[in-house]
C-alpha atoms as a PDB file:
ATOM      1  CA  MET A   1       9.486  15.396  14.236  1.00  0.00           C
ATOM      2  CA  PRO A   2      10.117  16.912  11.618  1.00  0.00           C
ATOM      3  CA  PHE A   3       6.941  19.002  11.867  1.00  0.00           C
ATOM      4  CA  LEU A   4       8.412  20.513  15.545  1.00  0.00           C
ATOM      5  CA  ASP A   5      11.667  21.505  13.898  1.00  0.00           C
ATOM      6  CA  ARG A   6      12.471  25.148  14.319  1.00  0.00           C
ATOM      7  CA  ASP A   7      13.840  25.228  10.910  1.00  0.00           C
ATOM      8  CA  MET A   8      10.998  23.760   9.566  1.00  0.00           C
ATOM      9  CA  LEU A   9       8.878  25.868  11.620  1.00  0.00           C
ATOM     10  CA  ASP A  10      10.684  29.923  10.600  1.00  0.00           C
ATOM     11  CA  VAL A  11       9.458  28.588   7.190  1.00  0.00           C
ATOM     12  CA  THR A  12       5.826  27.457   7.152  1.00  0.00           C
ATOM     13  CA  MET A  13       5.044  30.624   8.779  1.00  0.00           C
ATOM     14  CA  LEU A  14       7.459  33.117   6.043  1.00  0.00           C
ATOM     15  CA  LEU A  15       5.708  31.345   3.325  1.00  0.00           C
ATOM     16  CA  ASP A  16       2.833  33.665   1.685  1.00  0.00           C
ATOM     17  CA  PRO A  17      -1.193  32.082   3.805  1.00  0.00           C
ATOM     18  CA  GLU A  18      -2.193  31.352   0.379  1.00  0.00           C
ATOM     19  CA  PHE A  19      -0.225  28.527  -0.010  1.00  0.00           C
ATOM     20  CA  LYS A  20      -1.990  27.348   3.455  1.00  0.00           C
ATOM     21  CA  LEU A  21      -5.306  27.932   2.361  1.00  0.00           C
ATOM     22  CA  ARG A  22      -7.099  26.070   1.292  1.00  0.00           C
ATOM     23  CA  LYS A  23      -8.743  26.276  -2.502  1.00  0.00           C
ATOM     24  CA  ALA A  24     -12.058  25.706  -3.640  1.00  0.00           C
ATOM     25  CA  GLY A  25     -12.988  24.398  -6.802  1.00  0.00           C
ATOM     26  CA  GLU A  26      -8.622  23.296  -7.350  1.00  0.00           C
ATOM     27  CA  LYS A  27      -7.523  19.633  -7.930  1.00  0.00           C
ATOM     28  CA  THR A  28      -5.810  20.045  -4.315  1.00  0.00           C
ATOM     29  CA  GLN A  29      -9.056  20.667  -2.412  1.00  0.00           C
ATOM     30  CA  PHE A  30      -9.014  18.582  -0.465  1.00  0.00           C
ATOM     31  CA  ILE A  31      -5.906  16.767   0.184  1.00  0.00           C
ATOM     32  CA  GLU A  32      -3.940  17.584   3.397  1.00  0.00           C
ATOM     33  CA  LYS A  33      -0.178  19.108   3.202  1.00  0.00           C
ATOM     34  CA  TRP A  34      -0.593  20.011  -0.294  1.00  0.00           C
ATOM     35  CA  LEU A  35       2.254  21.832   0.227  1.00  0.00           C
ATOM     36  CA  LEU A  36       4.512  19.531   1.247  1.00  0.00           C
ATOM     37  CA  ARG A  37       3.661  17.236  -0.990  1.00  0.00           C
ATOM     38  CA  ALA A  38       4.351  19.464  -4.116  1.00  0.00           C
ATOM     39  CA  ALA A  39       7.967  20.316  -2.434  1.00  0.00           C
ATOM     40  CA  PHE A  40       8.258  16.545  -3.015  1.00  0.00           C
ATOM     41  CA  ASP A  41       6.869  15.778  -6.446  1.00  0.00           C
ATOM     42  CA  THR A  42       9.836  14.903  -8.846  1.00  0.00           C
ATOM     43  CA  PRO A  43       8.984  13.278 -11.374  1.00  0.00           C
ATOM     44  CA  ASP A  44      12.460  13.516 -12.610  1.00  0.00           C
ATOM     45  CA  GLU A  45      13.923  11.656  -9.756  1.00  0.00           C
ATOM     46  CA  PRO A  46      11.141  10.505  -7.840  1.00  0.00           C
ATOM     47  CA  TYR A  47      11.238   9.801  -3.679  1.00  0.00           C
ATOM     48  CA  LEU A  48       7.644   8.415  -3.324  1.00  0.00           C
ATOM     49  CA  PRO A  49       5.549   6.809  -6.154  1.00  0.00           C
ATOM     50  CA  ALA A  50       3.056   9.607  -7.730  1.00  0.00           C
ATOM     51  CA  ASP A  51      -0.073   7.067  -6.437  1.00  0.00           C
ATOM     52  CA  VAL A  52       1.432   7.215  -2.592  1.00  0.00           C
ATOM     53  CA  LEU A  53       2.358  10.976  -2.308  1.00  0.00           C
ATOM     54  CA  TRP A  54      -0.892  11.826  -3.479  1.00  0.00           C
ATOM     55  CA  ARG A  55      -3.010   9.248  -1.887  1.00  0.00           C
ATOM     56  CA  GLN A  56      -5.194   9.958   0.577  1.00  0.00           C
ATOM     57  CA  LYS A  57      -5.074   9.814   4.212  1.00  0.00           C
ATOM     58  CA  GLU A  58      -6.358   7.492   5.908  1.00  0.00           C
ATOM     59  CA  GLN A  59      -6.620   7.435   9.827  1.00  0.00           C
ATOM     60  CA  PHE A  60      -3.989   6.438  11.958  1.00  0.00           C
ATOM     61  CA  SER A  61      -5.924   3.442  13.321  1.00  0.00           C
ATOM     62  CA  ASP A  62      -7.182   2.187  10.209  1.00  0.00           C
ATOM     63  CA  GLY A  63      -4.681   2.862   7.340  1.00  0.00           C
ATOM     64  CA  ALA A  64      -3.457  -0.796   7.776  1.00  0.00           C
ATOM     65  CA  ALA A  65      -6.034  -2.950   8.820  1.00  0.00           C
ATOM     66  CA  ASN A  66      -9.575  -3.955   8.022  1.00  0.00           C
ATOM     67  CA  PRO A  67     -11.671  -0.897   8.705  1.00  0.00           C
ATOM     68  CA  ASN A  68     -14.834  -2.904  10.158  1.00  0.00           C
ATOM     69  CA  PRO A  69     -13.471  -2.888  13.381  1.00  0.00           C
ATOM     70  CA  ASN A  70     -10.947  -0.872  13.442  1.00  0.00           C
ATOM     71  CA  THR A  71      -7.631  -2.181  15.352  1.00  0.00           C
ATOM     72  CA  LEU A  72      -8.669   1.184  18.165  1.00  0.00           C
ATOM     73  CA  THR A  73     -11.632  -1.317  19.398  1.00  0.00           C
ATOM     74  CA  LEU A  74     -10.006  -4.540  18.688  1.00  0.00           C
ATOM     75  CA  THR A  75      -7.963  -3.475  21.129  1.00  0.00           C
ATOM     76  CA  LEU A  76      -9.760  -1.804  23.971  1.00  0.00           C
ATOM     77  CA  THR A  77     -12.528  -4.713  23.691  1.00  0.00           C
ATOM     78  CA  LEU A  78      -9.432  -7.220  23.605  1.00  0.00           C
ATOM     79  CA  THR A  79      -7.528  -5.272  26.735  1.00  0.00           C
ATOM     80  CA  LEU A  80     -10.916  -4.838  29.245  1.00  0.00           C
ATOM     81  CA  THR A  81     -11.997  -8.619  28.404  1.00  0.00           C
ATOM     82  CA  LEU A  82      -8.425  -9.449  29.385  1.00  0.00           C
ATOM     83  CA  THR A  83      -7.665  -7.151  32.264  1.00  0.00           C
ATOM     84  CA  PRO A  84      -8.316  -8.984  35.663  1.00  0.00           C
ATOM     85  CA  TYR A  85      -7.768  -6.077  37.284  1.00  0.00           C
ATOM     86  CA  PRO A  86     -11.488  -3.891  37.685  1.00  0.00           C
ATOM     87  CA  TYR A  87      -9.947  -0.454  37.600  1.00  0.00           C
ATOM     88  CA  LEU A  88      -8.788  -1.010  33.806  1.00  0.00           C
END
């Protein structure tokens, strides 16, 4: 888990708080982890395509699936329907 890495935490704690704040009116105002994304925004030798790097985050259960109904709801319904144990 890179965000639990001790060195990553140390560097993050040393950052100027201005870099961690949401800036109303800026183009990055609604982008989560924009500073981390900006660090990987290297147009000459990109790590990721720009549309992937700057895309909006999706809920984990809905990101790759049809959001109506979502994967979590389908899994829970199927589990409760097929489970022979009354305590589940």
